[in-house]
């Protein structure tokens, strides 16, 4: 079994997203303009999407490629496709 990625980049990005979410909470508490809040929500969602893509890339480069090299990777590819399908919906 391959060594899982360290996820250092994803953890750093998630800490930034956490700060964004706390900022959105403050904006709501301060009753800031709705469009400004929505812009921040959109930015946080995009940042989370980037985390998901980074994790997916790591999974492909480790688990999926290992399965393809060492046995039939069809199961891992199918698992990946299900994850991608959930991600895009």
C-alpha atoms as a PDB file:
ATOM      1  CA  UNK A   1       0.000   0.000   0.000  1.00  0.00           C
ATOM      2  CA  UNK A   2       1.362   3.451  -0.867  1.00  0.00           C
ATOM      3  CA  UNK A   3       2.189   5.979   1.797  1.00  0.00           C
ATOM      4  CA  UNK A   4      -0.674   8.490   2.003  1.00  0.00           C
ATOM      5  CA  UNK A   5       0.084  12.115   1.133  1.00  0.00           C
ATOM      6  CA  UNK A   6       0.968  14.398   4.039  1.00  0.00           C
ATOM      7  CA  UNK A   7      -1.758  16.894   3.098  1.00  0.00           C
ATOM      8  CA  UNK A   8       0.397  19.798   4.302  1.00  0.00           C
ATOM      9  CA  UNK A   9      -0.868  22.102   1.558  1.00  0.00           C
ATOM     10  CA  UNK A  10      -4.485  21.118   2.213  1.00  0.00           C
ATOM     11  CA  UNK A  11      -4.157  21.728   5.939  1.00  0.00           C
ATOM     12  CA  UNK A  12      -2.714  25.185   5.305  1.00  0.00           C
ATOM     13  CA  UNK A  13      -5.560  26.005   2.930  1.00  0.00           C
ATOM     14  CA  UNK A  14      -8.150  24.694   5.389  1.00  0.00           C
ATOM     15  CA  UNK A  15      -6.803  26.969   8.109  1.00  0.00           C
ATOM     16  CA  UNK A  16      -7.300  29.891   5.729  1.00  0.00           C
ATOM     17  CA  UNK A  17     -10.837  28.715   4.959  1.00  0.00           C
ATOM     18  CA  UNK A  18     -11.493  28.494   8.687  1.00  0.00           C
ATOM     19  CA  UNK A  19     -10.495  32.151   8.965  1.00  0.00           C
ATOM     20  CA  UNK A  20     -12.781  33.015   6.067  1.00  0.00           C
ATOM     21  CA  UNK A  21     -15.707  31.226   7.717  1.00  0.00           C
ATOM     22  CA  UNK A  22     -15.124  33.061  10.988  1.00  0.00           C
ATOM     23  CA  UNK A  23     -15.023  36.300   8.998  1.00  0.00           C
ATOM     24  CA  UNK A  24     -18.363  35.440   7.388  1.00  0.00           C
ATOM     25  CA  UNK A  25     -19.839  34.750  10.831  1.00  0.00           C
ATOM     26  CA  UNK A  26     -18.634  38.160  12.023  1.00  0.00           C
ATOM     27  CA  UNK A  27     -20.089  39.805   8.943  1.00  0.00           C
ATOM     28  CA  UNK A  28     -23.484  38.261   9.690  1.00  0.00           C
ATOM     29  CA  UNK A  29     -23.277  39.249  13.357  1.00  0.00           C
ATOM     30  CA  UNK A  30     -22.469  42.814  12.265  1.00  0.00           C
ATOM     31  CA  UNK A  31     -25.361  42.706   9.785  1.00  0.00           C
ATOM     32  CA  UNK A  32     -23.103  43.562   6.860  1.00  0.00           C
ATOM     33  CA  UNK A  33     -24.471  44.039   3.360  1.00  0.00           C
ATOM     34  CA  UNK A  34     -25.789  40.733   1.998  1.00  0.00           C
ATOM     35  CA  UNK A  35     -23.915  40.904  -1.308  1.00  0.00           C
ATOM     36  CA  UNK A  36     -20.622  41.390   0.542  1.00  0.00           C
ATOM     37  CA  UNK A  37     -21.388  38.329   2.661  1.00  0.00           C
ATOM     38  CA  UNK A  38     -22.288  36.296  -0.420  1.00  0.00           C
ATOM     39  CA  UNK A  39     -18.995  37.265  -2.060  1.00  0.00           C
ATOM     40  CA  UNK A  40     -17.128  35.901   0.950  1.00  0.00           C
ATOM     41  CA  UNK A  41     -19.206  32.694   0.931  1.00  0.00           C
ATOM     42  CA  UNK A  42     -18.318  32.236  -2.751  1.00  0.00           C
ATOM     43  CA  UNK A  43     -14.629  32.766  -1.994  1.00  0.00           C
ATOM     44  CA  UNK A  44     -14.749  30.202   0.831  1.00  0.00           C
ATOM     45  CA  UNK A  45     -16.488  27.660  -1.411  1.00  0.00           C
ATOM     46  CA  UNK A  46     -13.851  28.127  -4.094  1.00  0.00           C
ATOM     47  CA  UNK A  47     -11.115  27.671  -1.507  1.00  0.00           C
ATOM     48  CA  UNK A  48     -12.745  24.423  -0.338  1.00  0.00           C
ATOM     49  CA  UNK A  49     -12.969  23.272  -3.946  1.00  0.00           C
ATOM     50  CA  UNK A  50      -9.218  23.849  -4.261  1.00  0.00           C
ATOM     51  CA  UNK A  51      -8.634  21.737  -1.144  1.00  0.00           C
ATOM     52  CA  UNK A  52     -10.759  18.957  -2.619  1.00  0.00           C
ATOM     53  CA  UNK A  53      -8.857  19.084  -5.907  1.00  0.00           C
ATOM     54  CA  UNK A  54      -5.515  18.990  -4.101  1.00  0.00           C
ATOM     55  CA  UNK A  55      -6.616  15.946  -2.094  1.00  0.00           C
ATOM     56  CA  UNK A  56      -7.961  14.293  -5.247  1.00  0.00           C
ATOM     57  CA  UNK A  57      -4.682  14.952  -7.067  1.00  0.00           C
ATOM     58  CA  UNK A  58      -2.764  13.363  -4.189  1.00  0.00           C
ATOM     59  CA  UNK A  59      -5.075  10.355  -4.217  1.00  0.00           C
ATOM     60  CA  UNK A  60      -4.547   9.878  -7.942  1.00  0.00           C
ATOM     61  CA  UNK A  61      -0.776  10.197  -7.600  1.00  0.00           C
ATOM     62  CA  UNK A  62      -0.589   7.748  -4.700  1.00  0.00           C
ATOM     63  CA  UNK A  63      -3.453   5.288  -4.264  1.00  0.00           C
ATOM     64  CA  UNK A  64      -4.816   5.137  -7.800  1.00  0.00           C
ATOM     65  CA  UNK A  65      -1.444   4.980  -9.540  1.00  0.00           C
ATOM     66  CA  UNK A  66      -0.255   2.333  -7.049  1.00  0.00           C
ATOM     67  CA  UNK A  67      -3.348   0.206  -7.724  1.00  0.00           C
ATOM     68  CA  UNK A  68      -2.857   0.498 -11.471  1.00  0.00           C
ATOM     69  CA  UNK A  69       0.821  -0.500 -11.232  1.00  0.00           C
ATOM     70  CA  UNK A  70       0.355  -3.389  -8.797  1.00  0.00           C
ATOM     71  CA  UNK A  71      -3.015  -4.860  -9.647  1.00  0.00           C
ATOM     72  CA  UNK A  72      -6.158  -4.103 -11.561  1.00  0.00           C
ATOM     73  CA  UNK A  73      -6.823  -0.439 -10.868  1.00  0.00           C
ATOM     74  CA  UNK A  74     -10.392  -0.583 -12.133  1.00  0.00           C
ATOM     75  CA  UNK A  75     -11.829  -0.560  -8.613  1.00  0.00           C
ATOM     76  CA  UNK A  76      -9.798   2.505  -7.592  1.00  0.00           C
ATOM     77  CA  UNK A  77     -10.654   4.298 -10.816  1.00  0.00           C
ATOM     78  CA  UNK A  78     -14.355   3.594 -10.271  1.00  0.00           C
ATOM     79  CA  UNK A  79     -14.080   4.827  -6.675  1.00  0.00           C
ATOM     80  CA  UNK A  80     -12.378   7.981  -7.965  1.00  0.00           C
ATOM     81  CA  UNK A  81     -15.077   8.527 -10.569  1.00  0.00           C
ATOM     82  CA  UNK A  82     -17.768   8.305  -7.877  1.00  0.00           C
ATOM     83  CA  UNK A  83     -15.875  10.896  -5.817  1.00  0.00           C
ATOM     84  CA  UNK A  84     -15.560  13.191  -8.834  1.00  0.00           C
ATOM     85  CA  UNK A  85     -19.269  12.787  -9.555  1.00  0.00           C
ATOM     86  CA  UNK A  86     -20.125  13.837  -5.979  1.00  0.00           C
ATOM     87  CA  UNK A  87     -17.699  16.753  -6.226  1.00  0.00           C
ATOM     88  CA  UNK A  88     -19.216  18.238  -9.380  1.00  0.00           C
ATOM     89  CA  UNK A  89     -22.821  17.985  -8.208  1.00  0.00           C
END
